[in-house]
Amino acid sequence: MDGKNIDKNTRVVDTLALRRTAKEAKRYVVMMRLLKILAIILIAIVAAAYAVSYFYDKYGSFTVKISKYDMINQGLTLSETPDYTTSNSRLNADILYDMTNISGEDLPDNIDKINGSHNGEGYIAYTFYLINSGKDTLSYDSEMTIENVTNGVDEAIRVELFVNGEKTVYGKTKSDGSGKESDCDKEFASSTEVMKDRREKLGPGEKDKYTVVIWLEGNDPDCVDKIIGGTMKLGMNFKIVETT
């Protein structure tokens, strides 16, 4: 083989090697881009999970809501005090972590006399006002819903609701289906509702005072080890049904 053919063959091999190297470099760039995209997606998933956890923690115990339409158009508003400076369509009670069981008999006598969040050892307590700041007389529905529950903790939960000073204690129906617990006034309205009611004719400038108290009743037969670590999220919603 003469020198010219050797040089030609060498050039062909070098060209193929360069092409192979270029393809490998391109493949490397593509893989790195894919890895970056996957890393961004993973970070986004983790961030979303954290956000869900954060907002569940922030709003996880008890929230109060009214329709923004009812607030803007009819003047219905929420406040932690009877006198208010801003209109609110949502209020959030402070979280109580690691709730331990107590007896409802140990709750303070003045538990409905303190505004806003006033949690104690072993219970959540929240007082707020629903105010008609508009010009019409309103009738509205109220509903307290069970938005999330784990480990069957709702079996031993009690909800004490004061409406303008009148107290009602709610609890889940006995696990054997035989009716309400002896320390309760009423059973939960359903598996997803604590209570529902209608308020007739709230006049302009009038306000209704609500206090919600939530605790784990230690005397309930279902207050056992299997519910340890359980969580429960409650929400109370108000909706205007009539204006005059």
C-alpha atoms as a PDB file:
ATOM      1  CA  MET A   1       0.000   0.000   0.000  1.00  0.00           C
ATOM      2  CA  ASP A   2       1.459   3.337  -0.993  1.00  0.00           C
ATOM      3  CA  GLY A   3       1.689   6.412   1.227  1.00  0.00           C
ATOM      4  CA  LYS A   4      -1.245   8.201  -0.400  1.00  0.00           C
ATOM      5  CA  ASN A   5      -3.660   5.358   0.432  1.00  0.00           C
ATOM      6  CA  ILE A   6      -2.347   5.215   3.994  1.00  0.00           C
ATOM      7  CA  ASP A   7      -2.923   8.962   4.438  1.00  0.00           C
ATOM      8  CA  LYS A   8      -6.413   8.629   2.970  1.00  0.00           C
ATOM      9  CA  ASN A   9      -7.334   5.753   5.252  1.00  0.00           C
ATOM     10  CA  THR A  10      -5.934   7.648   8.222  1.00  0.00           C
ATOM     11  CA  ARG A  11      -8.058  10.673   7.364  1.00  0.00           C
ATOM     12  CA  VAL A  12     -11.171   8.488   7.080  1.00  0.00           C
ATOM     13  CA  VAL A  13     -10.507   6.952  10.503  1.00  0.00           C
ATOM     14  CA  ASP A  14      -9.877  10.392  12.021  1.00  0.00           C
ATOM     15  CA  THR A  15     -13.108  11.696  10.517  1.00  0.00           C
ATOM     16  CA  LEU A  16     -15.089   8.771  11.914  1.00  0.00           C
ATOM     17  CA  ALA A  17     -13.461   9.273  15.303  1.00  0.00           C
ATOM     18  CA  LEU A  18     -14.371  12.970  15.274  1.00  0.00           C
ATOM     19  CA  ARG A  19     -17.945  12.181  14.328  1.00  0.00           C
ATOM     20  CA  ARG A  20     -18.151   9.607  17.107  1.00  0.00           C
ATOM     21  CA  THR A  21     -16.715  12.098  19.586  1.00  0.00           C
ATOM     22  CA  ALA A  22     -19.169  14.790  18.467  1.00  0.00           C
ATOM     23  CA  LYS A  23     -22.099  12.398  18.880  1.00  0.00           C
ATOM     24  CA  GLU A  24     -20.905  11.425  22.339  1.00  0.00           C
ATOM     25  CA  ALA A  25     -20.552  15.072  23.282  1.00  0.00           C
ATOM     26  CA  LYS A  26     -24.037  15.824  21.983  1.00  0.00           C
ATOM     27  CA  ARG A  27     -25.433  12.805  23.849  1.00  0.00           C
ATOM     28  CA  TYR A  28     -23.717  14.028  27.004  1.00  0.00           C
ATOM     29  CA  VAL A  29     -25.234  17.506  26.631  1.00  0.00           C
ATOM     30  CA  VAL A  30     -28.713  16.017  26.089  1.00  0.00           C
ATOM     31  CA  MET A  31     -28.352  13.767  29.132  1.00  0.00           C
ATOM     32  CA  MET A  32     -27.221  16.662  31.293  1.00  0.00           C
ATOM     33  CA  ARG A  33     -30.200  18.717  30.179  1.00  0.00           C
ATOM     34  CA  LEU A  34     -32.534  15.834  30.993  1.00  0.00           C
ATOM     35  CA  LEU A  35     -30.953  15.439  34.408  1.00  0.00           C
ATOM     36  CA  LYS A  36     -31.402  19.154  35.073  1.00  0.00           C
ATOM     37  CA  ILE A  37     -35.063  18.964  34.023  1.00  0.00           C
ATOM     38  CA  LEU A  38     -35.598  15.925  36.246  1.00  0.00           C
ATOM     39  CA  ALA A  39     -33.895  17.731  39.133  1.00  0.00           C
ATOM     40  CA  ILE A  40     -36.173  20.765  38.624  1.00  0.00           C
ATOM     41  CA  ILE A  41     -39.260  18.506  38.537  1.00  0.00           C
ATOM     42  CA  LEU A  42     -38.115  16.727  41.697  1.00  0.00           C
ATOM     43  CA  ILE A  43     -37.530  20.045  43.456  1.00  0.00           C
ATOM     44  CA  ALA A  44     -40.967  21.242  42.345  1.00  0.00           C
ATOM     45  CA  ILE A  45     -42.608  18.060  43.693  1.00  0.00           C
ATOM     46  CA  VAL A  46     -40.807  18.404  47.025  1.00  0.00           C
ATOM     47  CA  ALA A  47     -41.719  22.112  47.192  1.00  0.00           C
ATOM     48  CA  ALA A  48     -45.369  21.322  46.430  1.00  0.00           C
ATOM     49  CA  ALA A  49     -45.429  18.645  49.119  1.00  0.00           C
ATOM     50  CA  TYR A  50     -43.876  21.090  51.566  1.00  0.00           C
ATOM     51  CA  ALA A  51     -46.410  23.769  50.619  1.00  0.00           C
ATOM     52  CA  VAL A  52     -49.309  21.360  51.152  1.00  0.00           C
ATOM     53  CA  SER A  53     -47.840  20.347  54.503  1.00  0.00           C
ATOM     54  CA  TYR A  54     -47.246  24.003  55.441  1.00  0.00           C
ATOM     55  CA  PHE A  55     -50.759  25.116  54.628  1.00  0.00           C
ATOM     56  CA  TYR A  56     -52.254  22.062  56.276  1.00  0.00           C
ATOM     57  CA  ASP A  57     -50.276  22.903  59.406  1.00  0.00           C
ATOM     58  CA  LYS A  58     -51.246  26.558  59.160  1.00  0.00           C
ATOM     59  CA  TYR A  59     -54.924  25.941  58.563  1.00  0.00           C
ATOM     60  CA  GLY A  60     -55.085  22.407  59.908  1.00  0.00           C
ATOM     61  CA  SER A  61     -57.075  22.714  63.124  1.00  0.00           C
ATOM     62  CA  PHE A  62     -60.036  24.994  62.482  1.00  0.00           C
ATOM     63  CA  THR A  63     -60.954  27.543  59.834  1.00  0.00           C
ATOM     64  CA  VAL A  64     -63.955  29.845  59.441  1.00  0.00           C
ATOM     65  CA  LYS A  65     -65.106  31.031  56.017  1.00  0.00           C
ATOM     66  CA  ILE A  66     -67.807  33.040  54.332  1.00  0.00           C
ATOM     67  CA  SER A  67     -68.353  33.625  50.646  1.00  0.00           C
ATOM     68  CA  LYS A  68     -66.465  36.659  49.342  1.00  0.00           C
ATOM     69  CA  TYR A  69     -69.584  37.473  47.338  1.00  0.00           C
ATOM     70  CA  ASP A  70     -71.608  37.623  50.569  1.00  0.00           C
ATOM     71  CA  MET A  71     -68.931  39.811  52.140  1.00  0.00           C
ATOM     72  CA  ILE A  72     -68.592  42.261  49.261  1.00  0.00           C
ATOM     73  CA  ASN A  73     -72.232  42.494  48.181  1.00  0.00           C
ATOM     74  CA  GLN A  74     -74.114  42.008  51.456  1.00  0.00           C
ATOM     75  CA  GLY A  75     -71.629  43.238  54.076  1.00  0.00           C
ATOM     76  CA  LEU A  76     -71.363  39.946  55.951  1.00  0.00           C
ATOM     77  CA  THR A  77     -67.949  39.809  57.623  1.00  0.00           C
ATOM     78  CA  LEU A  78     -65.907  37.863  60.159  1.00  0.00           C
ATOM     79  CA  SER A  79     -63.894  39.297  63.027  1.00  0.00           C
ATOM     80  CA  GLU A  80     -62.098  38.078  66.143  1.00  0.00           C
ATOM     81  CA  THR A  81     -63.472  41.084  68.028  1.00  0.00           C
ATOM     82  CA  PRO A  82     -66.965  42.643  68.155  1.00  0.00           C
ATOM     83  CA  ASP A  83     -65.522  45.876  66.746  1.00  0.00           C
ATOM     84  CA  TYR A  84     -63.620  45.496  63.506  1.00  0.00           C
ATOM     85  CA  THR A  85     -61.551  47.696  61.211  1.00  0.00           C
ATOM     86  CA  THR A  86     -61.243  45.387  58.203  1.00  0.00           C
ATOM     87  CA  SER A  87     -63.609  42.918  56.571  1.00  0.00           C
ATOM     88  CA  ASN A  88     -62.527  39.286  56.560  1.00  0.00           C
ATOM     89  CA  SER A  89     -63.887  36.331  54.633  1.00  0.00           C
ATOM     90  CA  ARG A  90     -61.619  33.823  56.397  1.00  0.00           C
ATOM     91  CA  LEU A  91     -60.268  33.317  59.910  1.00  0.00           C
ATOM     92  CA  ASN A  92     -57.824  30.702  61.186  1.00  0.00           C
ATOM     93  CA  ALA A  93     -57.498  29.367  64.705  1.00  0.00           C
ATOM     94  CA  ASP A  94     -54.046  28.743  66.153  1.00  0.00           C
ATOM     95  CA  ILE A  95     -52.744  25.187  65.917  1.00  0.00           C
ATOM     96  CA  LEU A  96     -52.428  22.978  68.974  1.00  0.00           C
ATOM     97  CA  TYR A  97     -49.769  20.320  68.446  1.00  0.00           C
ATOM     98  CA  ASP A  98     -49.652  16.994  70.302  1.00  0.00           C
ATOM     99  CA  MET A  99     -53.108  17.289  71.850  1.00  0.00           C
ATOM    100  CA  THR A 100     -53.516  15.002  74.849  1.00  0.00           C
ATOM    101  CA  ASN A 101     -56.843  13.734  76.146  1.00  0.00           C
ATOM    102  CA  ILE A 102     -58.666  15.646  78.854  1.00  0.00           C
ATOM    103  CA  SER A 103     -62.124  15.673  80.401  1.00  0.00           C
ATOM    104  CA  GLY A 104     -64.640  18.244  79.214  1.00  0.00           C
ATOM    105  CA  GLU A 105     -65.383  18.873  82.886  1.00  0.00           C
ATOM    106  CA  ASP A 106     -61.928  20.438  83.218  1.00  0.00           C
ATOM    107  CA  LEU A 107     -62.535  23.193  80.653  1.00  0.00           C
ATOM    108  CA  PRO A 108     -62.449  26.752  82.066  1.00  0.00           C
ATOM    109  CA  ASP A 109     -65.786  28.309  83.018  1.00  0.00           C
ATOM    110  CA  ASN A 110     -64.984  31.485  81.067  1.00  0.00           C
ATOM    111  CA  ILE A 111     -63.948  29.691  77.886  1.00  0.00           C
ATOM    112  CA  ASP A 112     -66.441  31.647  75.760  1.00  0.00           C
ATOM    113  CA  LYS A 113     -65.473  35.007  77.241  1.00  0.00           C
ATOM    114  CA  ILE A 114     -62.088  35.450  75.486  1.00  0.00           C
ATOM    115  CA  ASN A 115     -61.817  36.682  71.895  1.00  0.00           C
ATOM    116  CA  GLY A 116     -59.733  35.056  69.174  1.00  0.00           C
ATOM    117  CA  SER A 117     -57.526  32.022  69.768  1.00  0.00           C
ATOM    118  CA  HIS A 118     -57.180  31.049  73.423  1.00  0.00           C
ATOM    119  CA  ASN A 119     -56.025  27.443  73.397  1.00  0.00           C
ATOM    120  CA  GLY A 120     -55.266  25.705  76.666  1.00  0.00           C
ATOM    121  CA  GLU A 121     -53.537  22.529  77.709  1.00  0.00           C
ATOM    122  CA  GLY A 122     -55.282  19.801  75.764  1.00  0.00           C
ATOM    123  CA  TYR A 123     -57.897  21.874  73.901  1.00  0.00           C
ATOM    124  CA  ILE A 124     -58.383  24.318  71.048  1.00  0.00           C
ATOM    125  CA  ALA A 125     -60.599  27.329  71.757  1.00  0.00           C
ATOM    126  CA  TYR A 126     -61.538  30.023  69.274  1.00  0.00           C
ATOM    127  CA  THR A 127     -64.010  32.893  69.572  1.00  0.00           C
ATOM    128  CA  PHE A 128     -65.130  34.986  66.623  1.00  0.00           C
ATOM    129  CA  TYR A 129     -67.999  37.182  65.454  1.00  0.00           C
ATOM    130  CA  LEU A 130     -70.183  37.105  62.360  1.00  0.00           C
ATOM    131  CA  ILE A 131     -71.226  40.677  61.673  1.00  0.00           C
ATOM    132  CA  ASN A 132     -73.846  42.144  59.359  1.00  0.00           C
ATOM    133  CA  SER A 133     -72.251  45.401  58.286  1.00  0.00           C
ATOM    134  CA  GLY A 134     -74.619  45.868  55.365  1.00  0.00           C
ATOM    135  CA  LYS A 135     -78.039  47.478  55.008  1.00  0.00           C
ATOM    136  CA  ASP A 136     -80.182  44.367  54.568  1.00  0.00           C
ATOM    137  CA  THR A 137     -81.548  41.893  57.094  1.00  0.00           C
ATOM    138  CA  LEU A 138     -79.939  38.510  56.440  1.00  0.00           C
ATOM    139  CA  SER A 139     -80.715  34.865  57.071  1.00  0.00           C
ATOM    140  CA  TYR A 140     -77.792  32.490  56.781  1.00  0.00           C
ATOM    141  CA  ASP A 141     -76.850  28.837  57.051  1.00  0.00           C
ATOM    142  CA  SER A 142     -73.949  27.647  59.187  1.00  0.00           C
ATOM    143  CA  GLU A 143     -72.208  24.324  58.743  1.00  0.00           C
ATOM    144  CA  MET A 144     -69.220  22.779  60.491  1.00  0.00           C
ATOM    145  CA  THR A 145     -67.531  20.160  58.345  1.00  0.00           C
ATOM    146  CA  ILE A 146     -64.934  17.471  58.965  1.00  0.00           C
ATOM    147  CA  GLU A 147     -62.449  18.191  56.197  1.00  0.00           C
ATOM    148  CA  ASN A 148     -59.845  15.609  57.110  1.00  0.00           C
ATOM    149  CA  VAL A 149     -59.381  12.926  59.758  1.00  0.00           C
ATOM    150  CA  THR A 150     -56.794  10.177  60.330  1.00  0.00           C
ATOM    151  CA  ASN A 151     -56.422   7.212  62.698  1.00  0.00           C
ATOM    152  CA  GLY A 152     -60.099   7.408  63.637  1.00  0.00           C
ATOM    153  CA  VAL A 153     -59.399  10.243  66.060  1.00  0.00           C
ATOM    154  CA  ASP A 154     -62.896  11.626  65.429  1.00  0.00           C
ATOM    155  CA  GLU A 155     -64.305   8.723  67.466  1.00  0.00           C
ATOM    156  CA  ALA A 156     -63.215  10.485  70.677  1.00  0.00           C
ATOM    157  CA  ILE A 157     -63.296  14.145  69.612  1.00  0.00           C
ATOM    158  CA  ARG A 158     -65.709  16.586  71.210  1.00  0.00           C
ATOM    159  CA  VAL A 159     -66.778  19.913  69.721  1.00  0.00           C
ATOM    160  CA  GLU A 160     -68.348  22.455  72.036  1.00  0.00           C
ATOM    161  CA  LEU A 161     -70.116  25.274  70.216  1.00  0.00           C
ATOM    162  CA  PHE A 162     -71.343  28.467  71.878  1.00  0.00           C
ATOM    163  CA  VAL A 163     -73.706  30.639  69.828  1.00  0.00           C
ATOM    164  CA  ASN A 164     -74.422  33.899  71.601  1.00  0.00           C
ATOM    165  CA  GLY A 165     -73.681  32.180  74.891  1.00  0.00           C
ATOM    166  CA  GLU A 166     -75.802  29.065  74.311  1.00  0.00           C
ATOM    167  CA  LYS A 167     -73.687  25.899  74.515  1.00  0.00           C
ATOM    168  CA  THR A 168     -74.047  22.628  72.604  1.00  0.00           C
ATOM    169  CA  VAL A 169     -71.592  19.725  72.838  1.00  0.00           C
ATOM    170  CA  TYR A 170     -71.266  17.508  69.763  1.00  0.00           C
ATOM    171  CA  GLY A 171     -69.691  14.070  69.501  1.00  0.00           C
ATOM    172  CA  LYS A 172     -69.693  11.187  67.088  1.00  0.00           C
ATOM    173  CA  THR A 173     -72.351   8.515  67.495  1.00  0.00           C
ATOM    174  CA  LYS A 174     -71.207   5.676  69.764  1.00  0.00           C
ATOM    175  CA  SER A 175     -69.119   3.137  67.894  1.00  0.00           C
ATOM    176  CA  ASP A 176     -71.783   0.467  68.551  1.00  0.00           C
ATOM    177  CA  GLY A 177     -74.397   2.711  66.897  1.00  0.00           C
ATOM    178  CA  SER A 178     -76.517   3.046  70.034  1.00  0.00           C
ATOM    179  CA  GLY A 179     -76.759   6.852  70.019  1.00  0.00           C
ATOM    180  CA  LYS A 180     -74.958   9.863  71.435  1.00  0.00           C
ATOM    181  CA  GLU A 181     -72.300   9.773  74.125  1.00  0.00           C
ATOM    182  CA  SER A 182     -73.515  10.610  77.648  1.00  0.00           C
ATOM    183  CA  ASP A 183     -71.477  13.839  77.811  1.00  0.00           C
ATOM    184  CA  CYS A 184     -72.846  15.150  74.504  1.00  0.00           C
ATOM    185  CA  ASP A 185     -75.961  17.124  73.691  1.00  0.00           C
ATOM    186  CA  LYS A 186     -76.061  16.073  70.043  1.00  0.00           C
ATOM    187  CA  GLU A 187     -74.464  13.606  67.676  1.00  0.00           C
ATOM    188  CA  PHE A 188     -72.444  14.691  64.653  1.00  0.00           C
ATOM    189  CA  ALA A 189     -74.857  15.502  61.832  1.00  0.00           C
ATOM    190  CA  SER A 190     -73.146  12.979  59.532  1.00  0.00           C
ATOM    191  CA  SER A 191     -69.798  11.317  58.895  1.00  0.00           C
ATOM    192  CA  THR A 192     -68.570  14.563  57.316  1.00  0.00           C
ATOM    193  CA  GLU A 193     -70.529  17.175  59.297  1.00  0.00           C
ATOM    194  CA  VAL A 194     -70.449  18.148  62.942  1.00  0.00           C
ATOM    195  CA  MET A 195     -73.502  20.402  62.746  1.00  0.00           C
ATOM    196  CA  LYS A 196     -75.630  22.585  60.511  1.00  0.00           C
ATOM    197  CA  ASP A 197     -78.112  25.280  61.412  1.00  0.00           C
ATOM    198  CA  ARG A 198     -79.958  28.316  60.081  1.00  0.00           C
ATOM    199  CA  ARG A 199     -79.972  31.786  61.599  1.00  0.00           C
ATOM    200  CA  GLU A 200     -83.025  33.854  60.767  1.00  0.00           C
ATOM    201  CA  LYS A 201     -83.049  37.635  60.388  1.00  0.00           C
ATOM    202  CA  LEU A 202     -79.687  39.059  61.404  1.00  0.00           C
ATOM    203  CA  GLY A 203     -80.379  42.778  61.165  1.00  0.00           C
ATOM    204  CA  PRO A 204     -78.045  45.531  59.949  1.00  0.00           C
ATOM    205  CA  GLY A 205     -75.336  46.205  62.539  1.00  0.00           C
ATOM    206  CA  GLU A 206     -76.121  43.023  64.472  1.00  0.00           C
ATOM    207  CA  LYS A 207     -73.527  40.369  65.244  1.00  0.00           C
ATOM    208  CA  ASP A 208     -73.530  36.750  66.322  1.00  0.00           C
ATOM    209  CA  LYS A 209     -70.814  35.513  68.660  1.00  0.00           C
ATOM    210  CA  TYR A 210     -69.356  32.029  68.209  1.00  0.00           C
ATOM    211  CA  THR A 211     -66.940  30.074  70.374  1.00  0.00           C
ATOM    212  CA  VAL A 212     -65.648  26.701  69.194  1.00  0.00           C
ATOM    213  CA  VAL A 213     -63.840  24.362  71.593  1.00  0.00           C
ATOM    214  CA  ILE A 214     -62.257  21.105  70.407  1.00  0.00           C
ATOM    215  CA  TRP A 215     -60.722  18.421  72.609  1.00  0.00           C
ATOM    216  CA  LEU A 216     -60.041  14.707  72.877  1.00  0.00           C
ATOM    217  CA  GLU A 217     -62.380  13.286  75.495  1.00  0.00           C
ATOM    218  CA  GLY A 218     -60.417  10.990  77.794  1.00  0.00           C
ATOM    219  CA  ASN A 219     -63.566   9.344  79.177  1.00  0.00           C
ATOM    220  CA  ASP A 220     -64.705   8.194  75.747  1.00  0.00           C
ATOM    221  CA  PRO A 221     -64.352   4.375  75.389  1.00  0.00           C
ATOM    222  CA  ASP A 222     -62.831   4.977  71.945  1.00  0.00           C
ATOM    223  CA  CYS A 223     -60.013   7.120  73.364  1.00  0.00           C
ATOM    224  CA  VAL A 224     -57.458   4.306  72.988  1.00  0.00           C
ATOM    225  CA  ASP A 225     -53.870   3.878  71.802  1.00  0.00           C
ATOM    226  CA  LYS A 226     -54.829   3.222  68.179  1.00  0.00           C
ATOM    227  CA  ILE A 227     -55.836   6.878  67.661  1.00  0.00           C
ATOM    228  CA  ILE A 228     -52.436   8.170  68.831  1.00  0.00           C
ATOM    229  CA  GLY A 229     -50.938  10.346  66.111  1.00  0.00           C
ATOM    230  CA  GLY A 230     -54.323  11.014  64.529  1.00  0.00           C
ATOM    231  CA  THR A 231     -55.177  14.405  63.064  1.00  0.00           C
ATOM    232  CA  MET A 232     -58.428  16.204  62.391  1.00  0.00           C
ATOM    233  CA  LYS A 233     -59.248  19.329  60.404  1.00  0.00           C
ATOM    234  CA  LEU A 234     -62.545  21.158  60.901  1.00  0.00           C
ATOM    235  CA  GLY A 235     -64.023  24.062  59.007  1.00  0.00           C
ATOM    236  CA  MET A 236     -67.059  26.269  59.608  1.00  0.00           C
ATOM    237  CA  ASN A 237     -68.809  27.851  56.651  1.00  0.00           C
ATOM    238  CA  PHE A 238     -71.484  30.538  56.519  1.00  0.00           C
ATOM    239  CA  LYS A 239     -73.720  31.295  53.552  1.00  0.00           C
ATOM    240  CA  ILE A 240     -76.503  33.839  53.119  1.00  0.00           C
ATOM    241  CA  VAL A 241     -79.799  32.204  52.093  1.00  0.00           C
ATOM    242  CA  GLU A 242     -82.142  35.204  52.224  1.00  0.00           C
ATOM    243  CA  THR A 243     -82.033  39.002  52.332  1.00  0.00           C
ATOM    244  CA  THR A 244     -84.860  41.446  53.119  1.00  0.00           C
END
